[in-house]
C-alpha atoms as a PDB file:
ATOM      1  CA  MET A   1       7.557  11.155  -7.192  1.00  0.00           C
ATOM      2  CA  CYS A   2       6.195  13.134  -4.254  1.00  0.00           C
ATOM      3  CA  LYS A   3       4.085  11.805  -1.407  1.00  0.00           C
ATOM      4  CA  GLU A   4       0.928  13.532  -2.642  1.00  0.00           C
ATOM      5  CA  SER A   5       1.094  12.031  -6.130  1.00  0.00           C
ATOM      6  CA  LEU A   6       1.868   8.580  -4.723  1.00  0.00           C
ATOM      7  CA  THR A   7      -1.098   8.892  -2.376  1.00  0.00           C
ATOM      8  CA  GLU A   8      -3.399   9.867  -5.237  1.00  0.00           C
ATOM      9  CA  ASP A   9      -2.153   7.014  -7.410  1.00  0.00           C
ATOM     10  CA  LEU A  10      -2.624   4.496  -4.588  1.00  0.00           C
ATOM     11  CA  ARG A  11      -6.059   5.904  -3.793  1.00  0.00           C
ATOM     12  CA  SER A  12      -7.027   5.499  -7.442  1.00  0.00           C
ATOM     13  CA  CYS A  13      -5.872   1.878  -7.358  1.00  0.00           C
ATOM     14  CA  ALA A  14      -7.940   1.363  -4.184  1.00  0.00           C
ATOM     15  CA  GLY A  15     -11.103   2.740  -5.769  1.00  0.00           C
ATOM     16  CA  GLY A  16     -10.909   6.142  -4.086  1.00  0.00           C
ATOM     17  CA  LYS A  17     -10.613   4.735  -0.565  1.00  0.00           C
ATOM     18  CA  ALA A  18      -8.121   5.679   2.141  1.00  0.00           C
ATOM     19  CA  TRP A  19      -7.177   2.022   2.737  1.00  0.00           C
ATOM     20  CA  ILE A  20      -5.734  -0.435   0.215  1.00  0.00           C
ATOM     21  CA  SER A  21      -5.945  -4.208   0.299  1.00  0.00           C
ATOM     22  CA  LYS A  22      -2.872  -6.362   0.219  1.00  0.00           C
ATOM     23  CA  ARG A  23      -3.966  -7.854  -3.118  1.00  0.00           C
ATOM     24  CA  LYS A  24      -4.341  -4.449  -4.794  1.00  0.00           C
ATOM     25  CA  LEU A  25      -1.072  -3.253  -3.315  1.00  0.00           C
ATOM     26  CA  ARG A  26       0.716  -6.359  -4.621  1.00  0.00           C
ATOM     27  CA  THR A  27      -0.583  -5.545  -8.109  1.00  0.00           C
ATOM     28  CA  TRP A  28       0.331  -1.861  -7.824  1.00  0.00           C
ATOM     29  CA  LEU A  29       3.877  -2.640  -6.676  1.00  0.00           C
ATOM     30  CA  GLY A  30       4.270  -5.537  -9.104  1.00  0.00           C
ATOM     31  CA  VAL A  31       5.870  -7.852  -6.537  1.00  0.00           C
ATOM     32  CA  GLY A  32       5.279 -11.314  -5.118  1.00  0.00           C
ATOM     33  CA  ASP A  33       4.145 -12.258  -1.637  1.00  0.00           C
ATOM     34  CA  GLU A  34       7.599 -12.501  -0.077  1.00  0.00           C
ATOM     35  CA  LYS A  35       8.721  -9.072  -1.268  1.00  0.00           C
ATOM     36  CA  LEU A  36       5.339  -7.557  -0.348  1.00  0.00           C
ATOM     37  CA  ASN A  37       5.488  -8.944   3.199  1.00  0.00           C
ATOM     38  CA  GLU A  38       8.999  -7.542   3.562  1.00  0.00           C
ATOM     39  CA  PHE A  39       7.797  -4.162   2.282  1.00  0.00           C
ATOM     40  CA  LEU A  40       4.798  -4.083   4.663  1.00  0.00           C
ATOM     41  CA  GLU A  41       6.800  -5.022   7.745  1.00  0.00           C
ATOM     42  CA  ASP A  42       5.995  -2.652  10.643  1.00  0.00           C
ATOM     43  CA  ILE A  43       3.167  -0.854   8.798  1.00  0.00           C
ATOM     44  CA  ASP A  44      -0.064  -0.847  10.800  1.00  0.00           C
ATOM     45  CA  SER A  45      -2.978  -2.639   9.206  1.00  0.00           C
ATOM     46  CA  ARG A  46      -6.634  -3.298   9.835  1.00  0.00           C
ATOM     47  CA  VAL A  47      -8.825  -6.277   9.096  1.00  0.00           C
ATOM     48  CA  ASN A  48     -11.902  -5.510   7.013  1.00  0.00           C
ATOM     49  CA  GLY A  49     -13.956  -8.675   6.645  1.00  0.00           C
ATOM     50  CA  ASN A  50     -11.545 -11.209   5.217  1.00  0.00           C
ATOM     51  CA  ARG A  51      -9.081  -8.600   3.893  1.00  0.00           C
ATOM     52  CA  VAL A  52      -6.064  -6.989   5.466  1.00  0.00           C
ATOM     53  CA  GLU A  53      -5.844  -3.319   4.506  1.00  0.00           C
ATOM     54  CA  TYR A  54      -3.166  -0.663   4.863  1.00  0.00           C
ATOM     55  CA  PHE A  55      -3.535   3.094   5.242  1.00  0.00           C
ATOM     56  CA  ILE A  56      -2.500   4.626   1.935  1.00  0.00           C
ATOM     57  CA  VAL A  57      -0.534   7.515   3.463  1.00  0.00           C
ATOM     58  CA  ASP A  58       1.616   5.015   5.412  1.00  0.00           C
ATOM     59  CA  VAL A  59       2.199   2.979   2.255  1.00  0.00           C
ATOM     60  CA  ALA A  60       3.210   6.099   0.286  1.00  0.00           C
ATOM     61  CA  GLU A  61       5.691   7.044   3.011  1.00  0.00           C
ATOM     62  CA  ARG A  62       7.197   3.544   2.873  1.00  0.00           C
ATOM     63  CA  VAL A  63       7.529   3.724  -0.923  1.00  0.00           C
ATOM     64  CA  LEU A  64       9.467   6.980  -0.588  1.00  0.00           C
ATOM     65  CA  GLU A  65      11.515   5.623   2.321  1.00  0.00           C
ATOM     66  CA  LYS A  66      12.571   2.472   0.474  1.00  0.00           C
ATOM     67  CA  ARG A  67      12.639   4.094  -2.993  1.00  0.00           C
ATOM     68  CA  PHE A  68      10.685   1.062  -4.110  1.00  0.00           C
END
């Protein structure tokens, strides 16, 4: 899978937004909290209300990097 198609798939999961919540990302990846936290290590995040969100392009790069 290429970065562009991963980004589009993640954006679709996030409702068309450029940022994805940890909960939605957990579902998309199909992993538990421990594995997700390991995956997200060193990726910048932002707090939006009571949610932690991650920039989709950074997440797509990590997926390709780790071949997750």
